[in-house]
Amino acid sequence: MNDTPSKDDTPVNADGEKLVAAGSQLPAEEVERITADLVAAFKTVYDPEIPVDIYELGLIYKVDLDDDRKVTIDMTLTAPGCPVAGEMPVWVENAARSVEGIQDVDVNMVFDPPWGPDRMSEEAQVALNWW
């Protein structure tokens, strides 16, 4: 995942898809605010083995925001055997719940496509000296 904005400045994932897909009934300004606040919240969650936040690592694959302001998050881990596999989804859920206006949060752990270093942002690559 990276911070590359889409044409309307909405953050996109590593596949070039908008990070947050929203229900058509929500005002665009609110979707933009919630998106920015979610990204900021995700950036407070770090993989304990890698000194980079989960957003810059590209662990957040997809975020759906419905008309009732429920957020459904598809995320992954750097490795399926990650020692915090049971805890990290709770950290992500708590971070998303901290965003004003969010009514409910559901976090799904997915492993397809598998995570790889190519999903990291340039910021993460610089932080890890992977240039």
N, C-alpha and C. Protein backbone atom coordinates (compact mmCIF):
# COMPACT_ATOMS: atom_id res chain seq x y z
N MET A 1 0.85 -1.17 0.00
CA MET A 1 0.00 0.00 0.00
C MET A 1 0.88 1.21 0.00
N ASN A 2 0.38 2.25 -0.53
CA ASN A 2 1.16 3.47 -0.55
C ASN A 2 0.26 4.66 -0.33
N ASP A 3 0.89 5.80 -0.25
CA ASP A 3 0.13 7.03 -0.06
C ASP A 3 -0.19 7.71 -1.37
N THR A 4 -0.02 7.01 -2.47
CA THR A 4 -0.30 7.61 -3.76
C THR A 4 -1.77 7.98 -3.83
N PRO A 5 -2.08 9.24 -4.01
CA PRO A 5 -3.49 9.62 -4.06
C PRO A 5 -4.12 9.24 -5.39
N SER A 6 -5.40 8.98 -5.34
CA SER A 6 -6.15 8.78 -6.57
C SER A 6 -6.44 10.16 -7.14
N LYS A 7 -7.17 10.23 -8.23
CA LYS A 7 -7.44 11.53 -8.85
C LYS A 7 -8.15 12.49 -7.92
N ASP A 8 -8.91 11.95 -6.95
CA ASP A 8 -9.61 12.84 -6.02
C ASP A 8 -8.89 12.90 -4.67
N ASP A 9 -7.60 12.55 -4.65
CA ASP A 9 -6.75 12.59 -3.46
C ASP A 9 -7.13 11.59 -2.39
N THR A 10 -7.92 10.57 -2.72
CA THR A 10 -8.23 9.51 -1.78
C THR A 10 -7.08 8.52 -1.78
N PRO A 11 -6.55 8.13 -0.60
CA PRO A 11 -5.46 7.15 -0.59
C PRO A 11 -5.89 5.86 -1.29
N VAL A 12 -4.93 5.22 -1.95
CA VAL A 12 -5.19 3.97 -2.65
C VAL A 12 -4.29 2.89 -2.10
N ASN A 13 -4.71 1.62 -2.29
CA ASN A 13 -3.88 0.51 -1.86
C ASN A 13 -2.84 0.19 -2.92
N ALA A 14 -2.03 -0.84 -2.69
CA ALA A 14 -0.96 -1.19 -3.62
C ALA A 14 -1.47 -1.61 -4.98
N ASP A 15 -2.73 -2.00 -5.07
CA ASP A 15 -3.33 -2.40 -6.34
C ASP A 15 -3.95 -1.21 -7.08
N GLY A 16 -3.81 0.00 -6.51
CA GLY A 16 -4.35 1.19 -7.15
C GLY A 16 -5.83 1.42 -6.89
N GLU A 17 -6.43 0.60 -6.01
CA GLU A 17 -7.85 0.77 -5.67
C GLU A 17 -7.96 1.78 -4.54
N LYS A 18 -9.07 2.55 -4.54
CA LYS A 18 -9.29 3.47 -3.43
C LYS A 18 -9.27 2.68 -2.12
N LEU A 19 -8.62 3.24 -1.11
CA LEU A 19 -8.53 2.56 0.17
C LEU A 19 -9.91 2.39 0.78
N VAL A 20 -10.70 3.44 0.78
CA VAL A 20 -12.02 3.39 1.41
C VAL A 20 -13.09 3.47 0.33
N ALA A 21 -13.91 2.44 0.28
CA ALA A 21 -15.08 2.45 -0.61
C ALA A 21 -16.27 2.81 0.26
N ALA A 22 -17.05 3.77 -0.18
CA ALA A 22 -18.14 4.26 0.66
C ALA A 22 -19.50 4.07 0.01
N GLY A 23 -20.50 3.96 0.87
CA GLY A 23 -21.88 3.92 0.41
C GLY A 23 -22.24 5.24 -0.25
N SER A 24 -23.12 5.20 -1.22
CA SER A 24 -23.43 6.38 -2.03
C SER A 24 -24.21 7.44 -1.26
N GLN A 25 -24.74 7.12 -0.11
CA GLN A 25 -25.57 8.08 0.63
C GLN A 25 -24.75 9.02 1.52
N LEU A 26 -23.48 8.71 1.75
CA LEU A 26 -22.67 9.56 2.62
C LEU A 26 -22.11 10.74 1.82
N PRO A 27 -22.11 11.91 2.43
CA PRO A 27 -21.53 13.08 1.74
C PRO A 27 -20.04 12.85 1.45
N ALA A 28 -19.60 13.28 0.30
CA ALA A 28 -18.21 13.09 -0.12
C ALA A 28 -17.23 13.69 0.90
N GLU A 29 -17.57 14.84 1.47
CA GLU A 29 -16.69 15.48 2.45
C GLU A 29 -16.51 14.60 3.68
N GLU A 30 -17.60 13.94 4.09
CA GLU A 30 -17.51 13.07 5.26
C GLU A 30 -16.66 11.85 4.96
N VAL A 31 -16.83 11.28 3.77
CA VAL A 31 -16.02 10.12 3.38
C VAL A 31 -14.54 10.52 3.36
N GLU A 32 -14.23 11.69 2.83
CA GLU A 32 -12.85 12.15 2.79
C GLU A 32 -12.29 12.33 4.20
N ARG A 33 -13.06 12.92 5.09
CA ARG A 33 -12.60 13.11 6.47
C ARG A 33 -12.38 11.77 7.16
N ILE A 34 -13.36 10.87 7.03
CA ILE A 34 -13.25 9.56 7.67
C ILE A 34 -12.05 8.81 7.10
N THR A 35 -11.84 8.89 5.79
CA THR A 35 -10.70 8.23 5.17
C THR A 35 -9.39 8.74 5.75
N ALA A 36 -9.25 10.05 5.81
CA ALA A 36 -8.03 10.64 6.36
C ALA A 36 -7.84 10.24 7.82
N ASP A 37 -8.93 10.25 8.59
CA ASP A 37 -8.85 9.88 10.00
C ASP A 37 -8.52 8.40 10.18
N LEU A 38 -9.06 7.55 9.30
CA LEU A 38 -8.74 6.12 9.37
C LEU A 38 -7.26 5.88 9.06
N VAL A 39 -6.77 6.53 8.02
CA VAL A 39 -5.34 6.39 7.68
C VAL A 39 -4.48 6.82 8.86
N ALA A 40 -4.82 7.95 9.47
CA ALA A 40 -4.07 8.43 10.64
C ALA A 40 -4.15 7.41 11.78
N ALA A 41 -5.32 6.82 11.99
CA ALA A 41 -5.49 5.82 13.04
C ALA A 41 -4.67 4.57 12.73
N PHE A 42 -4.69 4.11 11.48
CA PHE A 42 -3.91 2.93 11.11
C PHE A 42 -2.41 3.18 11.32
N LYS A 43 -1.99 4.42 11.13
CA LYS A 43 -0.58 4.75 11.28
C LYS A 43 -0.13 4.75 12.74
N THR A 44 -1.07 4.57 13.67
CA THR A 44 -0.69 4.46 15.09
C THR A 44 -0.44 3.01 15.50
N VAL A 45 -0.72 2.07 14.60
CA VAL A 45 -0.56 0.64 14.89
C VAL A 45 0.71 0.16 14.19
N TYR A 46 1.62 -0.40 14.98
CA TYR A 46 2.89 -0.86 14.46
C TYR A 46 3.02 -2.37 14.56
N ASP A 47 3.65 -2.96 13.57
CA ASP A 47 4.05 -4.36 13.66
C ASP A 47 5.19 -4.38 14.68
N PRO A 48 5.06 -5.15 15.76
CA PRO A 48 6.08 -5.09 16.81
C PRO A 48 7.46 -5.59 16.38
N GLU A 49 7.52 -6.33 15.28
CA GLU A 49 8.81 -6.84 14.82
C GLU A 49 9.47 -5.93 13.79
N ILE A 50 8.70 -5.00 13.24
CA ILE A 50 9.20 -4.10 12.20
C ILE A 50 8.84 -2.68 12.63
N PRO A 51 9.80 -1.78 12.68
CA PRO A 51 9.52 -0.43 13.19
C PRO A 51 8.81 0.48 12.17
N VAL A 52 7.75 -0.05 11.57
CA VAL A 52 6.97 0.71 10.60
C VAL A 52 5.50 0.44 10.88
N ASP A 53 4.65 1.44 10.68
CA ASP A 53 3.22 1.25 10.95
C ASP A 53 2.58 0.35 9.88
N ILE A 54 1.44 -0.22 10.23
CA ILE A 54 0.79 -1.22 9.36
C ILE A 54 0.28 -0.63 8.06
N TYR A 55 -0.05 0.66 8.06
CA TYR A 55 -0.52 1.29 6.83
C TYR A 55 0.63 1.38 5.83
N GLU A 56 1.77 1.90 6.27
CA GLU A 56 2.92 2.03 5.37
C GLU A 56 3.48 0.68 4.97
N LEU A 57 3.33 -0.32 5.83
CA LEU A 57 3.77 -1.68 5.47
C LEU A 57 2.88 -2.29 4.39
N GLY A 58 1.69 -1.75 4.22
CA GLY A 58 0.77 -2.29 3.22
C GLY A 58 -0.05 -3.45 3.74
N LEU A 59 -0.26 -3.50 5.05
CA LEU A 59 -1.05 -4.59 5.64
C LEU A 59 -2.55 -4.35 5.56
N ILE A 60 -2.97 -3.11 5.29
CA ILE A 60 -4.39 -2.81 5.12
C ILE A 60 -4.69 -2.93 3.63
N TYR A 61 -5.48 -3.92 3.27
CA TYR A 61 -5.79 -4.17 1.86
C TYR A 61 -7.02 -3.41 1.38
N LYS A 62 -8.04 -3.34 2.23
CA LYS A 62 -9.30 -2.74 1.78
C LYS A 62 -10.08 -2.27 2.99
N VAL A 63 -10.79 -1.16 2.81
CA VAL A 63 -11.67 -0.64 3.85
C VAL A 63 -12.99 -0.27 3.18
N ASP A 64 -14.07 -0.85 3.67
CA ASP A 64 -15.41 -0.50 3.17
C ASP A 64 -16.13 0.27 4.26
N LEU A 65 -16.74 1.37 3.85
CA LEU A 65 -17.53 2.20 4.73
C LEU A 65 -18.95 2.19 4.20
N ASP A 66 -19.90 1.66 5.00
CA ASP A 66 -21.27 1.60 4.50
C ASP A 66 -22.08 2.82 4.96
N ASP A 67 -23.32 2.88 4.51
CA ASP A 67 -24.19 4.02 4.81
C ASP A 67 -24.46 4.19 6.30
N ASP A 68 -24.32 3.11 7.07
CA ASP A 68 -24.53 3.18 8.51
C ASP A 68 -23.24 3.49 9.26
N ARG A 69 -22.19 3.82 8.50
CA ARG A 69 -20.87 4.16 9.05
C ARG A 69 -20.21 2.97 9.74
N LYS A 70 -20.53 1.78 9.23
CA LYS A 70 -19.82 0.58 9.67
C LYS A 70 -18.61 0.42 8.75
N VAL A 71 -17.47 0.14 9.34
CA VAL A 71 -16.24 -0.05 8.59
C VAL A 71 -15.88 -1.53 8.59
N THR A 72 -15.63 -2.07 7.41
CA THR A 72 -15.15 -3.43 7.27
C THR A 72 -13.75 -3.35 6.67
N ILE A 73 -12.79 -3.93 7.39
CA ILE A 73 -11.39 -3.82 7.03
C ILE A 73 -10.85 -5.19 6.66
N ASP A 74 -10.23 -5.29 5.49
CA ASP A 74 -9.48 -6.49 5.11
C ASP A 74 -8.01 -6.17 5.32
N MET A 75 -7.36 -6.98 6.13
CA MET A 75 -5.95 -6.76 6.40
C MET A 75 -5.21 -8.09 6.39
N THR A 76 -3.91 -8.01 6.39
CA THR A 76 -3.09 -9.21 6.40
C THR A 76 -1.96 -9.01 7.38
N LEU A 77 -1.07 -9.98 7.42
CA LEU A 77 0.13 -9.92 8.25
C LEU A 77 1.33 -10.10 7.35
N THR A 78 2.51 -9.73 7.84
CA THR A 78 3.71 -9.94 7.04
C THR A 78 3.98 -11.42 6.85
N ALA A 79 3.51 -12.24 7.79
CA ALA A 79 3.65 -13.70 7.69
C ALA A 79 2.49 -14.34 8.44
N PRO A 80 1.90 -15.43 7.91
CA PRO A 80 0.77 -16.07 8.60
C PRO A 80 1.10 -16.50 10.02
N GLY A 81 2.35 -16.82 10.30
CA GLY A 81 2.74 -17.26 11.64
C GLY A 81 3.16 -16.13 12.55
N CYS A 82 2.80 -14.92 12.22
CA CYS A 82 3.17 -13.74 13.01
C CYS A 82 2.75 -13.95 14.48
N PRO A 83 3.65 -13.68 15.42
CA PRO A 83 3.32 -13.92 16.83
C PRO A 83 2.18 -13.07 17.39
N VAL A 84 1.83 -11.97 16.71
CA VAL A 84 0.72 -11.15 17.19
C VAL A 84 -0.51 -11.30 16.30
N ALA A 85 -0.60 -12.42 15.61
CA ALA A 85 -1.73 -12.64 14.68
C ALA A 85 -3.08 -12.51 15.36
N GLY A 86 -3.18 -12.91 16.60
CA GLY A 86 -4.45 -12.80 17.32
C GLY A 86 -4.71 -11.43 17.88
N GLU A 87 -3.65 -10.66 18.08
CA GLU A 87 -3.77 -9.34 18.71
C GLU A 87 -3.90 -8.20 17.71
N MET A 88 -3.18 -8.29 16.61
CA MET A 88 -3.14 -7.15 15.68
C MET A 88 -4.52 -6.77 15.14
N PRO A 89 -5.40 -7.71 14.79
CA PRO A 89 -6.73 -7.28 14.33
C PRO A 89 -7.49 -6.48 15.40
N VAL A 90 -7.27 -6.81 16.66
CA VAL A 90 -7.91 -6.05 17.74
C VAL A 90 -7.32 -4.65 17.81
N TRP A 91 -6.02 -4.52 17.61
CA TRP A 91 -5.39 -3.19 17.60
C TRP A 91 -5.96 -2.35 16.47
N VAL A 92 -6.13 -2.98 15.30
CA VAL A 92 -6.67 -2.27 14.15
C VAL A 92 -8.13 -1.87 14.41
N GLU A 93 -8.90 -2.79 14.98
CA GLU A 93 -10.30 -2.49 15.30
C GLU A 93 -10.38 -1.31 16.26
N ASN A 94 -9.57 -1.33 17.31
CA ASN A 94 -9.59 -0.24 18.29
C ASN A 94 -9.18 1.08 17.65
N ALA A 95 -8.20 1.05 16.77
CA ALA A 95 -7.77 2.27 16.08
C ALA A 95 -8.92 2.82 15.23
N ALA A 96 -9.59 1.95 14.48
CA ALA A 96 -10.69 2.38 13.62
C ALA A 96 -11.86 2.91 14.45
N ARG A 97 -12.12 2.28 15.58
CA ARG A 97 -13.22 2.73 16.45
C ARG A 97 -12.96 4.12 17.03
N SER A 98 -11.70 4.53 17.06
CA SER A 98 -11.37 5.85 17.61
C SER A 98 -11.73 6.99 16.66
N VAL A 99 -12.07 6.67 15.43
CA VAL A 99 -12.39 7.69 14.43
C VAL A 99 -13.82 8.19 14.64
N GLU A 100 -13.95 9.49 14.73
CA GLU A 100 -15.25 10.11 14.93
C GLU A 100 -16.21 9.72 13.81
N GLY A 101 -17.41 9.30 14.20
CA GLY A 101 -18.45 8.97 13.23
C GLY A 101 -18.56 7.48 12.91
N ILE A 102 -17.54 6.71 13.24
CA ILE A 102 -17.59 5.27 12.98
C ILE A 102 -18.52 4.62 14.00
N GLN A 103 -19.47 3.85 13.50
CA GLN A 103 -20.45 3.22 14.38
C GLN A 103 -20.10 1.77 14.74
N ASP A 104 -19.45 1.07 13.83
CA ASP A 104 -19.09 -0.32 14.08
C ASP A 104 -17.89 -0.67 13.22
N VAL A 105 -17.14 -1.68 13.63
CA VAL A 105 -15.93 -2.09 12.91
C VAL A 105 -15.87 -3.61 12.86
N ASP A 106 -15.53 -4.12 11.69
CA ASP A 106 -15.31 -5.55 11.50
C ASP A 106 -13.98 -5.72 10.78
N VAL A 107 -13.06 -6.48 11.36
CA VAL A 107 -11.74 -6.69 10.77
C VAL A 107 -11.64 -8.12 10.29
N ASN A 108 -11.33 -8.29 9.02
CA ASN A 108 -11.15 -9.62 8.42
C ASN A 108 -9.67 -9.83 8.13
N MET A 109 -9.15 -10.96 8.58
CA MET A 109 -7.77 -11.32 8.27
C MET A 109 -7.78 -12.10 6.96
N VAL A 110 -7.03 -11.63 5.99
CA VAL A 110 -6.97 -12.28 4.68
C VAL A 110 -5.50 -12.54 4.34
N PHE A 111 -5.26 -13.57 3.54
CA PHE A 111 -3.90 -13.90 3.14
C PHE A 111 -3.78 -14.04 1.63
N ASP A 112 -4.79 -13.57 0.91
CA ASP A 112 -4.77 -13.61 -0.54
C ASP A 112 -5.13 -12.22 -1.05
N PRO A 113 -4.24 -11.51 -1.67
CA PRO A 113 -2.90 -11.98 -2.04
C PRO A 113 -1.98 -11.97 -0.83
N PRO A 114 -0.96 -12.81 -0.86
CA PRO A 114 -0.02 -12.80 0.25
C PRO A 114 0.74 -11.48 0.30
N TRP A 115 1.08 -11.05 1.51
CA TRP A 115 1.84 -9.82 1.65
C TRP A 115 3.26 -10.03 1.13
N GLY A 116 3.81 -9.00 0.55
CA GLY A 116 5.20 -8.99 0.12
C GLY A 116 5.76 -7.59 0.25
N PRO A 117 7.07 -7.45 0.26
CA PRO A 117 7.68 -6.12 0.41
C PRO A 117 7.25 -5.12 -0.65
N ASP A 118 6.77 -5.61 -1.79
CA ASP A 118 6.32 -4.71 -2.84
C ASP A 118 5.07 -3.93 -2.43
N ARG A 119 4.40 -4.34 -1.36
CA ARG A 119 3.21 -3.65 -0.88
C ARG A 119 3.57 -2.47 0.01
N MET A 120 4.83 -2.36 0.42
CA MET A 120 5.25 -1.27 1.30
C MET A 120 5.32 0.05 0.53
N SER A 121 5.04 1.11 1.23
CA SER A 121 5.18 2.44 0.65
C SER A 121 6.66 2.79 0.57
N GLU A 122 6.95 3.84 -0.19
CA GLU A 122 8.33 4.33 -0.24
C GLU A 122 8.81 4.76 1.14
N GLU A 123 7.89 5.33 1.91
CA GLU A 123 8.23 5.76 3.28
C GLU A 123 8.70 4.58 4.11
N ALA A 124 8.00 3.44 4.01
CA ALA A 124 8.39 2.24 4.75
C ALA A 124 9.73 1.71 4.25
N GLN A 125 9.92 1.72 2.95
CA GLN A 125 11.19 1.23 2.39
C GLN A 125 12.36 2.08 2.87
N VAL A 126 12.16 3.39 2.93
CA VAL A 126 13.22 4.27 3.43
C VAL A 126 13.48 3.98 4.91
N ALA A 127 12.43 3.83 5.70
CA ALA A 127 12.58 3.57 7.13
C ALA A 127 13.34 2.28 7.39
N LEU A 128 13.19 1.32 6.50
CA LEU A 128 13.85 0.03 6.67
C LEU A 128 15.15 -0.09 5.87
N ASN A 129 15.54 1.02 5.22
CA ASN A 129 16.74 1.02 4.38
C ASN A 129 16.69 -0.07 3.31
N TRP A 130 15.52 -0.19 2.66
CA TRP A 130 15.33 -1.21 1.61
C TRP A 130 15.42 -0.59 0.24
N TRP A 131 16.26 0.37 0.05
CA TRP A 131 16.39 1.02 -1.24
C TRP A 131 17.37 0.30 -2.07
